[in-house]
Amino acid sequence: MRFFAILLVCLLLLGACARQPDQAPAKAAQESQKEEGYRKELDEIRKNIKGDIRIKLKRDGKGDSYSWEISGKDAAEVLKANDILAKKLGK
């Protein structure tokens, strides 16, 4: 009787552990798709901006929020790039 009880508990634990990996790849694929979209937008913004400007996009640990660093020689172009990024990334 004990053997069947232990076997039943083991089967339940194995069944519960097997279900979780199905959700993880879908979530990871969705996040990578969002990041790819942001990278494409960032590349598009870089093409539209003239001059020597560097943009470093950083993902915050709180989900969909992003921050960035912009550096360049022309202050007007840096401010323009900051405005464009704020509009595109929804900050």
PDB file of N, CA and C in Angstrom:
ATOM      1  N   MET A   1       0.818  -1.189   0.000  1.00  0.00           N
ATOM      2  CA  MET A   1       0.000   0.000   0.000  1.00  0.00           C
ATOM      3  C   MET A   1       0.868   1.262   0.000  1.00  0.00           C
ATOM      4  N   ARG A   2       1.928   1.232   0.799  1.00  0.00           N
ATOM      5  CA  ARG A   2       2.843   2.382   0.833  1.00  0.00           C
ATOM      6  C   ARG A   2       3.510   2.590  -0.524  1.00  0.00           C
ATOM      7  N   PHE A   3       3.832   1.469  -1.158  1.00  0.00           N
ATOM      8  CA  PHE A   3       4.500   1.539  -2.448  1.00  0.00           C
ATOM      9  C   PHE A   3       3.618   2.284  -3.459  1.00  0.00           C
ATOM     10  N   PHE A   4       2.335   1.988  -3.488  1.00  0.00           N
ATOM     11  CA  PHE A   4       1.420   2.650  -4.412  1.00  0.00           C
ATOM     12  C   PHE A   4       1.253   4.130  -4.071  1.00  0.00           C
ATOM     13  N   ALA A   5       1.249   4.464  -2.798  1.00  0.00           N
ATOM     14  CA  ALA A   5       1.127   5.860  -2.390  1.00  0.00           C
ATOM     15  C   ALA A   5       2.356   6.653  -2.822  1.00  0.00           C
ATOM     16  N   ILE A   6       3.525   6.080  -2.634  1.00  0.00           N
ATOM     17  CA  ILE A   6       4.779   6.739  -3.036  1.00  0.00           C
ATOM     18  C   ILE A   6       4.834   6.869  -4.557  1.00  0.00           C
ATOM     19  N   LEU A   7       4.415   5.825  -5.258  1.00  0.00           N
ATOM     20  CA  LEU A   7       4.402   5.860  -6.718  1.00  0.00           C
ATOM     21  C   LEU A   7       3.438   6.933  -7.229  1.00  0.00           C
ATOM     22  N   LEU A   8       2.296   7.054  -6.608  1.00  0.00           N
ATOM     23  CA  LEU A   8       1.312   8.070  -6.990  1.00  0.00           C
ATOM     24  C   LEU A   8       1.853   9.484  -6.775  1.00  0.00           C
ATOM     25  N   VAL A   9       2.516   9.711  -5.648  1.00  0.00           N
ATOM     26  CA  VAL A   9       3.105  11.026  -5.362  1.00  0.00           C
ATOM     27  C   VAL A   9       4.201  11.351  -6.372  1.00  0.00           C
ATOM     28  N   CYS A  10       5.029  10.389  -6.716  1.00  0.00           N
ATOM     29  CA  CYS A  10       6.101  10.615  -7.700  1.00  0.00           C
ATOM     30  C   CYS A  10       5.519  10.959  -9.071  1.00  0.00           C
ATOM     31  N   LEU A  11       4.470  10.265  -9.467  1.00  0.00           N
ATOM     32  CA  LEU A  11       3.855  10.551 -10.763  1.00  0.00           C
ATOM     33  C   LEU A  11       3.230  11.943 -10.797  1.00  0.00           C
ATOM     34  N   LEU A  12       2.618  12.343  -9.700  1.00  0.00           N
ATOM     35  CA  LEU A  12       2.049  13.681  -9.640  1.00  0.00           C
ATOM     36  C   LEU A  12       3.125  14.752  -9.717  1.00  0.00           C
ATOM     37  N   LEU A  13       4.246  14.540  -9.030  1.00  0.00           N
ATOM     38  CA  LEU A  13       5.343  15.516  -9.072  1.00  0.00           C
ATOM     39  C   LEU A  13       5.957  15.596 -10.463  1.00  0.00           C
ATOM     40  N   LEU A  14       6.133  14.462 -11.112  1.00  0.00           N
ATOM     41  CA  LEU A  14       6.697  14.470 -12.463  1.00  0.00           C
ATOM     42  C   LEU A  14       5.741  15.142 -13.451  1.00  0.00           C
ATOM     43  N   GLY A  15       4.473  14.916 -13.293  1.00  0.00           N
ATOM     44  CA  GLY A  15       3.484  15.553 -14.173  1.00  0.00           C
ATOM     45  C   GLY A  15       3.445  17.055 -13.994  1.00  0.00           C
ATOM     46  N   ALA A  16       3.583  17.510 -12.770  1.00  0.00           N
ATOM     47  CA  ALA A  16       3.566  18.950 -12.503  1.00  0.00           C
ATOM     48  C   ALA A  16       4.816  19.624 -13.043  1.00  0.00           C
ATOM     49  N   CYS A  17       5.938  18.967 -12.976  1.00  0.00           N
ATOM     50  CA  CYS A  17       7.194  19.554 -13.462  1.00  0.00           C
ATOM     51  C   CYS A  17       7.251  19.581 -14.981  1.00  0.00           C
ATOM     52  N   ALA A  18       6.594  18.692 -15.631  1.00  0.00           N
ATOM     53  CA  ALA A  18       6.662  18.607 -17.088  1.00  0.00           C
ATOM     54  C   ALA A  18       5.866  19.710 -17.772  1.00  0.00           C
ATOM     55  N   ARG A  19       4.918  20.337 -17.127  1.00  0.00           N
ATOM     56  CA  ARG A  19       4.065  21.339 -17.759  1.00  0.00           C
ATOM     57  C   ARG A  19       4.715  22.719 -17.847  1.00  0.00           C
ATOM     58  N   GLN A  20       5.591  23.079 -16.972  1.00  0.00           N
ATOM     59  CA  GLN A  20       6.149  24.428 -16.929  1.00  0.00           C
ATOM     60  C   GLN A  20       7.017  24.774 -18.129  1.00  0.00           C
ATOM     61  N   PRO A  21       7.856  23.920 -18.663  1.00  0.00           N
ATOM     62  CA  PRO A  21       8.693  24.318 -19.798  1.00  0.00           C
ATOM     63  C   PRO A  21       7.908  24.704 -21.050  1.00  0.00           C
ATOM     64  N   ASP A  22       6.685  24.279 -21.190  1.00  0.00           N
ATOM     65  CA  ASP A  22       5.892  24.648 -22.358  1.00  0.00           C
ATOM     66  C   ASP A  22       5.624  26.148 -22.397  1.00  0.00           C
ATOM     67  N   GLN A  23       5.484  26.793 -21.258  1.00  0.00           N
ATOM     68  CA  GLN A  23       5.192  28.216 -21.198  1.00  0.00           C
ATOM     69  C   GLN A  23       6.438  29.065 -21.376  1.00  0.00           C
ATOM     70  N   ALA A  24       7.581  28.596 -20.949  1.00  0.00           N
ATOM     71  CA  ALA A  24       8.815  29.385 -20.974  1.00  0.00           C
ATOM     72  C   ALA A  24       9.267  29.750 -22.391  1.00  0.00           C
ATOM     73  N   PRO A  25       9.298  28.831 -23.352  1.00  0.00           N
ATOM     74  CA  PRO A  25       9.752  29.229 -24.698  1.00  0.00           C
ATOM     75  C   PRO A  25       8.838  30.255 -25.355  1.00  0.00           C
ATOM     76  N   ALA A  26       7.559  30.182 -25.119  1.00  0.00           N
ATOM     77  CA  ALA A  26       6.654  31.153 -25.721  1.00  0.00           C
ATOM     78  C   ALA A  26       6.915  32.546 -25.161  1.00  0.00           C
ATOM     79  N   LYS A  27       7.167  32.628 -23.868  1.00  0.00           N
ATOM     80  CA  LYS A  27       7.439  33.918 -23.238  1.00  0.00           C
ATOM     81  C   LYS A  27       8.775  34.481 -23.723  1.00  0.00           C
ATOM     82  N   ALA A  28       9.784  33.629 -23.829  1.00  0.00           N
ATOM     83  CA  ALA A  28      11.097  34.070 -24.290  1.00  0.00           C
ATOM     84  C   ALA A  28      11.028  34.525 -25.748  1.00  0.00           C
ATOM     85  N   ALA A  29      10.263  33.818 -26.554  1.00  0.00           N
ATOM     86  CA  ALA A  29      10.131  34.189 -27.962  1.00  0.00           C
ATOM     87  C   ALA A  29       9.420  35.536 -28.090  1.00  0.00           C
ATOM     88  N   GLN A  30       8.442  35.775 -27.255  1.00  0.00           N
ATOM     89  CA  GLN A  30       7.710  37.038 -27.296  1.00  0.00           C
ATOM     90  C   GLN A  30       8.612  38.199 -26.890  1.00  0.00           C
ATOM     91  N   GLU A  31       9.436  38.004 -25.865  1.00  0.00           N
ATOM     92  CA  GLU A  31      10.355  39.064 -25.435  1.00  0.00           C
ATOM     93  C   GLU A  31      11.416  39.336 -26.490  1.00  0.00           C
ATOM     94  N   SER A  32      11.946  38.282 -27.104  1.00  0.00           N
ATOM     95  CA  SER A  32      12.962  38.490 -28.131  1.00  0.00           C
ATOM     96  C   SER A  32      12.365  39.196 -29.344  1.00  0.00           C
ATOM     97  N   GLN A  33      11.096  38.938 -29.620  1.00  0.00           N
ATOM     98  CA  GLN A  33      10.431  39.609 -30.727  1.00  0.00           C
ATOM     99  C   GLN A  33      10.267  41.097 -30.442  1.00  0.00           C
ATOM    100  N   LYS A  34       9.946  41.447 -29.190  1.00  0.00           N
ATOM    101  CA  LYS A  34       9.834  42.862 -28.811  1.00  0.00           C
ATOM    102  C   LYS A  34      11.187  43.555 -28.924  1.00  0.00           C
ATOM    103  N   GLU A  35      12.233  42.889 -28.434  1.00  0.00           N
ATOM    104  CA  GLU A  35      13.571  43.482 -28.494  1.00  0.00           C
ATOM    105  C   GLU A  35      14.011  43.683 -29.935  1.00  0.00           C
ATOM    106  N   GLU A  36      13.675  42.734 -30.794  1.00  0.00           N
ATOM    107  CA  GLU A  36      14.037  42.862 -32.203  1.00  0.00           C
ATOM    108  C   GLU A  36      13.322  44.050 -32.832  1.00  0.00           C
ATOM    109  N   GLY A  37      12.080  44.258 -32.448  1.00  0.00           N
ATOM    110  CA  GLY A  37      11.328  45.412 -32.947  1.00  0.00           C
ATOM    111  C   GLY A  37      11.957  46.719 -32.513  1.00  0.00           C
ATOM    112  N   TYR A  38      12.391  46.781 -31.241  1.00  0.00           N
ATOM    113  CA  TYR A  38      13.043  47.999 -30.757  1.00  0.00           C
ATOM    114  C   TYR A  38      14.376  48.221 -31.453  1.00  0.00           C
ATOM    115  N   ARG A  39      15.099  47.155 -31.734  1.00  0.00           N
ATOM    116  CA  ARG A  39      16.371  47.303 -32.442  1.00  0.00           C
ATOM    117  C   ARG A  39      16.149  47.837 -33.853  1.00  0.00           C
ATOM    118  N   LYS A  40      15.113  47.348 -34.523  1.00  0.00           N
ATOM    119  CA  LYS A  40      14.814  47.844 -35.868  1.00  0.00           C
ATOM    120  C   LYS A  40      14.451  49.323 -35.832  1.00  0.00           C
ATOM    121  N   GLU A  41      13.655  49.708 -34.844  1.00  0.00           N
ATOM    122  CA  GLU A  41      13.296  51.124 -34.719  1.00  0.00           C
ATOM    123  C   GLU A  41      14.521  51.976 -34.435  1.00  0.00           C
ATOM    124  N   LEU A  42      15.414  51.464 -33.598  1.00  0.00           N
ATOM    125  CA  LEU A  42      16.628  52.208 -33.272  1.00  0.00           C
ATOM    126  C   LEU A  42      17.502  52.364 -34.513  1.00  0.00           C
ATOM    127  N   ASP A  43      17.613  51.317 -35.323  1.00  0.00           N
ATOM    128  CA  ASP A  43      18.380  51.421 -36.559  1.00  0.00           C
ATOM    129  C   ASP A  43      17.752  52.433 -37.516  1.00  0.00           C
ATOM    130  N   GLU A  44      16.429  52.452 -37.575  1.00  0.00           N
ATOM    131  CA  GLU A  44      15.735  53.416 -38.430  1.00  0.00           C
ATOM    132  C   GLU A  44      15.988  54.843 -37.957  1.00  0.00           C
ATOM    133  N   ILE A  45      15.976  55.039 -36.653  1.00  0.00           N
ATOM    134  CA  ILE A  45      16.237  56.361 -36.095  1.00  0.00           C
ATOM    135  C   ILE A  45      17.663  56.796 -36.410  1.00  0.00           C
ATOM    136  N   ARG A  46      18.603  55.877 -36.291  1.00  0.00           N
ATOM    137  CA  ARG A  46      19.997  56.205 -36.586  1.00  0.00           C
ATOM    138  C   ARG A  46      20.182  56.616 -38.041  1.00  0.00           C
ATOM    139  N   LYS A  47      19.446  55.972 -38.944  1.00  0.00           N
ATOM    140  CA  LYS A  47      19.553  56.320 -40.359  1.00  0.00           C
ATOM    141  C   LYS A  47      19.005  57.716 -40.632  1.00  0.00           C
ATOM    142  N   ASN A  48      17.947  58.095 -39.916  1.00  0.00           N
ATOM    143  CA  ASN A  48      17.319  59.398 -40.134  1.00  0.00           C
ATOM    144  C   ASN A  48      18.118  60.550 -39.535  1.00  0.00           C
ATOM    145  N   ILE A  49      18.944  60.268 -38.568  1.00  0.00           N
ATOM    146  CA  ILE A  49      19.699  61.323 -37.894  1.00  0.00           C
ATOM    147  C   ILE A  49      21.021  61.544 -38.621  1.00  0.00           C
ATOM    148  N   LYS A  50      21.293  62.800 -38.908  1.00  0.00           N
ATOM    149  CA  LYS A  50      22.549  63.145 -39.566  1.00  0.00           C
ATOM    150  C   LYS A  50      23.572  63.512 -38.514  1.00  0.00           C
ATOM    151  N   GLY A  51      24.819  63.302 -38.822  1.00  0.00           N
ATOM    152  CA  GLY A  51      25.883  63.687 -37.903  1.00  0.00           C
ATOM    153  C   GLY A  51      26.454  62.495 -37.162  1.00  0.00           C
ATOM    154  N   ASP A  52      27.393  62.810 -36.295  1.00  0.00           N
ATOM    155  CA  ASP A  52      28.103  61.791 -35.536  1.00  0.00           C
ATOM    156  C   ASP A  52      27.460  61.660 -34.157  1.00  0.00           C
ATOM    157  N   ILE A  53      26.499  60.764 -34.048  1.00  0.00           N
ATOM    158  CA  ILE A  53      25.781  60.572 -32.785  1.00  0.00           C
ATOM    159  C   ILE A  53      25.836  59.099 -32.416  1.00  0.00           C
ATOM    160  N   ARG A  54      26.095  58.843 -31.148  1.00  0.00           N
ATOM    161  CA  ARG A  54      26.091  57.475 -30.627  1.00  0.00           C
ATOM    162  C   ARG A  54      24.902  57.308 -29.695  1.00  0.00           C
ATOM    163  N   ILE A  55      24.171  56.206 -29.890  1.00  0.00           N
ATOM    164  CA  ILE A  55      23.013  55.913 -29.051  1.00  0.00           C
ATOM    165  C   ILE A  55      23.225  54.549 -28.416  1.00  0.00           C
ATOM    166  N   LYS A  56      23.152  54.498 -27.090  1.00  0.00           N
ATOM    167  CA  LYS A  56      23.232  53.238 -26.357  1.00  0.00           C
ATOM    168  C   LYS A  56      21.877  52.994 -25.699  1.00  0.00           C
ATOM    169  N   LEU A  57      21.182  51.962 -26.154  1.00  0.00           N
ATOM    170  CA  LEU A  57      19.872  51.629 -25.619  1.00  0.00           C
ATOM    171  C   LEU A  57      20.041  50.602 -24.508  1.00  0.00           C
ATOM    172  N   LYS A  58      19.445  50.873 -23.345  1.00  0.00           N
ATOM    173  CA  LYS A  58      19.538  49.976 -22.191  1.00  0.00           C
ATOM    174  C   LYS A  58      18.141  49.570 -21.770  1.00  0.00           C
ATOM    175  N   ARG A  59      17.975  48.293 -21.504  1.00  0.00           N
ATOM    176  CA  ARG A  59      16.693  47.782 -21.025  1.00  0.00           C
ATOM    177  C   ARG A  59      16.708  47.769 -19.509  1.00  0.00           C
ATOM    178  N   ASP A  60      15.702  48.394 -18.912  1.00  0.00           N
ATOM    179  CA  ASP A  60      15.580  48.393 -17.464  1.00  0.00           C
ATOM    180  C   ASP A  60      15.048  47.043 -17.007  1.00  0.00           C
ATOM    181  N   GLY A  61      15.259  46.716 -15.760  1.00  0.00           N
ATOM    182  CA  GLY A  61      14.842  45.431 -15.230  1.00  0.00           C
ATOM    183  C   GLY A  61      13.357  45.318 -14.973  1.00  0.00           C
ATOM    184  N   LYS A  62      12.598  46.346 -15.265  1.00  0.00           N
ATOM    185  CA  LYS A  62      11.170  46.344 -14.936  1.00  0.00           C
ATOM    186  C   LYS A  62      10.294  46.090 -16.152  1.00  0.00           C
ATOM    187  N   GLY A  63      10.722  45.264 -17.069  1.00  0.00           N
ATOM    188  CA  GLY A  63       9.850  44.903 -18.184  1.00  0.00           C
ATOM    189  C   GLY A  63      10.091  45.701 -19.438  1.00  0.00           C
ATOM    190  N   ASP A  64       9.101  46.487 -19.851  1.00  0.00           N
ATOM    191  CA  ASP A  64       9.141  47.161 -21.139  1.00  0.00           C
ATOM    192  C   ASP A  64       9.770  48.540 -21.118  1.00  0.00           C
ATOM    193  N   SER A  65      10.317  48.962 -20.016  1.00  0.00           N
ATOM    194  CA  SER A  65      10.885  50.306 -19.966  1.00  0.00           C
ATOM    195  C   SER A  65      12.346  50.287 -20.432  1.00  0.00           C
ATOM    196  N   TYR A  66      12.695  51.310 -21.166  1.00  0.00           N
ATOM    197  CA  TYR A  66      14.043  51.437 -21.724  1.00  0.00           C
ATOM    198  C   TYR A  66      14.613  52.798 -21.355  1.00  0.00           C
ATOM    199  N   SER A  67      15.930  52.846 -21.297  1.00  0.00           N
ATOM    200  CA  SER A  67      16.632  54.111 -21.128  1.00  0.00           C
ATOM    201  C   SER A  67      17.749  54.139 -22.169  1.00  0.00           C
ATOM    202  N   TRP A  68      18.289  55.319 -22.405  1.00  0.00           N
ATOM    203  CA  TRP A  68      19.331  55.428 -23.417  1.00  0.00           C
ATOM    204  C   TRP A  68      20.303  56.529 -23.072  1.00  0.00           C
ATOM    205  N   GLU A  69      21.469  56.407 -23.698  1.00  0.00           N
ATOM    206  CA  GLU A  69      22.512  57.423 -23.590  1.00  0.00           C
ATOM    207  C   GLU A  69      22.809  57.901 -25.002  1.00  0.00           C
ATOM    208  N   ILE A  70      22.822  59.206 -25.177  1.00  0.00           N
ATOM    209  CA  ILE A  70      23.113  59.786 -26.487  1.00  0.00           C
ATOM    210  C   ILE A  70      24.324  60.690 -26.338  1.00  0.00           C
ATOM    211  N   SER A  71      25.284  60.508 -27.218  1.00  0.00           N
ATOM    212  CA  SER A  71      26.456  61.376 -27.197  1.00  0.00           C
ATOM    213  C   SER A  71      26.762  61.817 -28.628  1.00  0.00           C
ATOM    214  N   GLY A  72      27.281  63.012 -28.756  1.00  0.00           N
ATOM    215  CA  GLY A  72      27.616  63.528 -30.073  1.00  0.00           C
ATOM    216  C   GLY A  72      28.231  64.908 -29.967  1.00  0.00           C
ATOM    217  N   LYS A  73      28.688  65.423 -31.102  1.00  0.00           N
ATOM    218  CA  LYS A  73      29.347  66.727 -31.129  1.00  0.00           C
ATOM    219  C   LYS A  73      28.353  67.874 -31.235  1.00  0.00           C
ATOM    220  N   ASP A  74      27.304  67.687 -31.999  1.00  0.00           N
ATOM    221  CA  ASP A  74      26.324  68.756 -32.227  1.00  0.00           C
ATOM    222  C   ASP A  74      25.174  68.611 -31.224  1.00  0.00           C
ATOM    223  N   ALA A  75      25.004  69.621 -30.362  1.00  0.00           N
ATOM    224  CA  ALA A  75      23.983  69.557 -29.314  1.00  0.00           C
ATOM    225  C   ALA A  75      22.573  69.523 -29.896  1.00  0.00           C
ATOM    226  N   ALA A  76      22.346  70.220 -30.990  1.00  0.00           N
ATOM    227  CA  ALA A  76      21.019  70.249 -31.607  1.00  0.00           C
ATOM    228  C   ALA A  76      20.628  68.857 -32.122  1.00  0.00           C
ATOM    229  N   GLU A  77      21.581  68.163 -32.716  1.00  0.00           N
ATOM    230  CA  GLU A  77      21.311  66.820 -33.215  1.00  0.00           C
ATOM    231  C   GLU A  77      21.065  65.841 -32.060  1.00  0.00           C
ATOM    232  N   VAL A  78      21.780  66.019 -30.964  1.00  0.00           N
ATOM    233  CA  VAL A  78      21.591  65.152 -29.794  1.00  0.00           C
ATOM    234  C   VAL A  78      20.192  65.352 -29.222  1.00  0.00           C
ATOM    235  N   LEU A  79      19.760  66.599 -29.110  1.00  0.00           N
ATOM    236  CA  LEU A  79      18.413  66.875 -28.604  1.00  0.00           C
ATOM    237  C   LEU A  79      17.335  66.349 -29.547  1.00  0.00           C
ATOM    238  N   LYS A  80      17.577  66.471 -30.847  1.00  0.00           N
ATOM    239  CA  LYS A  80      16.634  65.956 -31.828  1.00  0.00           C
ATOM    240  C   LYS A  80      16.521  64.435 -31.720  1.00  0.00           C
ATOM    241  N   ALA A  81      17.644  63.775 -31.570  1.00  0.00           N
ATOM    242  CA  ALA A  81      17.646  62.322 -31.422  1.00  0.00           C
ATOM    243  C   ALA A  81      16.928  61.900 -30.141  1.00  0.00           C
ATOM    244  N   ASN A  82      17.115  62.652 -29.070  1.00  0.00           N
ATOM    245  CA  ASN A  82      16.444  62.349 -27.807  1.00  0.00           C
ATOM    246  C   ASN A  82      14.929  62.477 -27.957  1.00  0.00           C
ATOM    247  N   ASP A  83      14.469  63.514 -28.636  1.00  0.00           N
ATOM    248  CA  ASP A  83      13.027  63.683 -28.862  1.00  0.00           C
ATOM    249  C   ASP A  83      12.453  62.540 -29.701  1.00  0.00           C
ATOM    250  N   ILE A  84      13.161  62.154 -30.726  1.00  0.00           N
ATOM    251  CA  ILE A  84      12.695  61.062 -31.584  1.00  0.00           C
ATOM    252  C   ILE A  84      12.614  59.754 -30.796  1.00  0.00           C
ATOM    253  N   LEU A  85      13.635  59.459 -29.996  1.00  0.00           N
ATOM    254  CA  LEU A  85      13.616  58.244 -29.189  1.00  0.00           C
ATOM    255  C   LEU A  85      12.479  58.262 -28.165  1.00  0.00           C
ATOM    256  N   ALA A  86      12.247  59.396 -27.566  1.00  0.00           N
ATOM    257  CA  ALA A  86      11.173  59.496 -26.573  1.00  0.00           C
ATOM    258  C   ALA A  86       9.817  59.229 -27.209  1.00  0.00           C
ATOM    259  N   LYS A  87       9.620  59.712 -28.435  1.00  0.00           N
ATOM    260  CA  LYS A  87       8.357  59.477 -29.130  1.00  0.00           C
ATOM    261  C   LYS A  87       8.210  58.025 -29.552  1.00  0.00           C
ATOM    262  N   LYS A  88       9.284  57.458 -30.115  1.00  0.00           N
ATOM    263  CA  LYS A  88       9.224  56.095 -30.648  1.00  0.00           C
ATOM    264  C   LYS A  88       9.105  55.036 -29.557  1.00  0.00           C
ATOM    265  N   LEU A  89       9.823  55.231 -28.462  1.00  0.00           N
ATOM    266  CA  LEU A  89       9.832  54.221 -27.402  1.00  0.00           C
ATOM    267  C   LEU A  89       8.819  54.512 -26.316  1.00  0.00           C
ATOM    268  N   GLY A  90       8.073  55.563 -26.441  1.00  0.00           N
ATOM    269  CA  GLY A  90       6.974  55.847 -25.519  1.00  0.00           C
ATOM    270  C   GLY A  90       7.387  56.256 -24.135  1.00  0.00           C
ATOM    271  N   LYS A  91       8.379  57.098 -24.039  1.00  0.00           N
ATOM    272  CA  LYS A  91       8.808  57.557 -22.708  1.00  0.00           C
ATOM    273  C   LYS A  91       8.229  58.903 -22.423  1.00  0.00           C
TER     274      LYS A  91
END
